[in-house]
Structures are given as C-alpha cells and as structure tokens.
C-alpha cells in the first residue's frame, strides 16, 4: 500500500469511538421499535427477526435474533428453534439470490468467554464469503474492506424479502 492509497470506511467510526456501552439490550430495543429501516431490520417473523450487522465482518452480514431475550440456546422452545432455522435458511437463499456468495460462515458466540459482543441475547451470524475476500489487509493493516454500503445492501435484501408471499 503506498502512502497515497486510501480506504474509506466512514461508518466504522461510530464503532471505533464507542467507549460507553449502551444500557439495556440493543436487540430488545430494536424488537420494540417500529423503525425497521433505521435499525436495519429486514424481516420479522413470529419468533425472530433478521437484522444487518451494523459493524459487519463481510458484505451482507446478517443476524437472526430470537424475539425472546435469552442468553442460551437451551432456553429456546422447539417452536422458536424451528422458526429461527427456517428464517436462517430463507436468509441464505436470499443472500444467494441477491449478492451471490460462494459460501457462508454461520455461527453463534454464546457467552462472554466465546467472544459474544451481546452476550445476554443469543443470535445467529450469517456471513457471506467469496473467493479472495480474505487478504492481507486485516492481518497487516488491521483493516477490513466492506464492498457495499449498509444502506445499499439493506434496500437490496429488504426488496428481496418483500417478494415473499404474506403468511
């Protein structure tokens, strides 16, 4: 990287400069709010919702979040498990259709010691992957390049979800 090269990721400044954690559960606040676009919620089902990760690991990073505030999977009901997994599979299909990733990392960090950023409310990460999306930037410069703005991706995936038949 030469000294004139620049990578601009202005949306990251909020995360980098955040020194005081928010009080209360961010997912519960989003669930109660009706401002889906502002909160980056792209889909709501009976027992969960899908939200864009505001500080994504990769372009298209979604999270499936149970509506109920719980810290462990063992506390989910069978109905919640089915709904979360059905919505997760639907999200994967929509990502494949809209941004065409070559693969996915899907997982959960449960509890503080696993690296969970929001340890009191479980959620499933769906991270799309492409050939060449891992490179020297994170290792050498501690910088991740996200190739699409959150606003642009939000409209793309929200439009795709709006094509579903209402149940």
Foldseek 3Di string as FASTA:
>chain_A
DDPPDDADDPLCVCVVPDDDDDPDAPLQVQLPDPPCLVQQWQADDPFWTKGADSDDPEALKIKIFGNDFAQDPVPDDPVNVVVSVVVVVVSVVLCCVQVNAPDWDKDWQGAVVSPDPRNRTTMIIIGGHHVPLDDCCCVPVVDHHYDDDSSVVSVRSSVVVVVDDDD
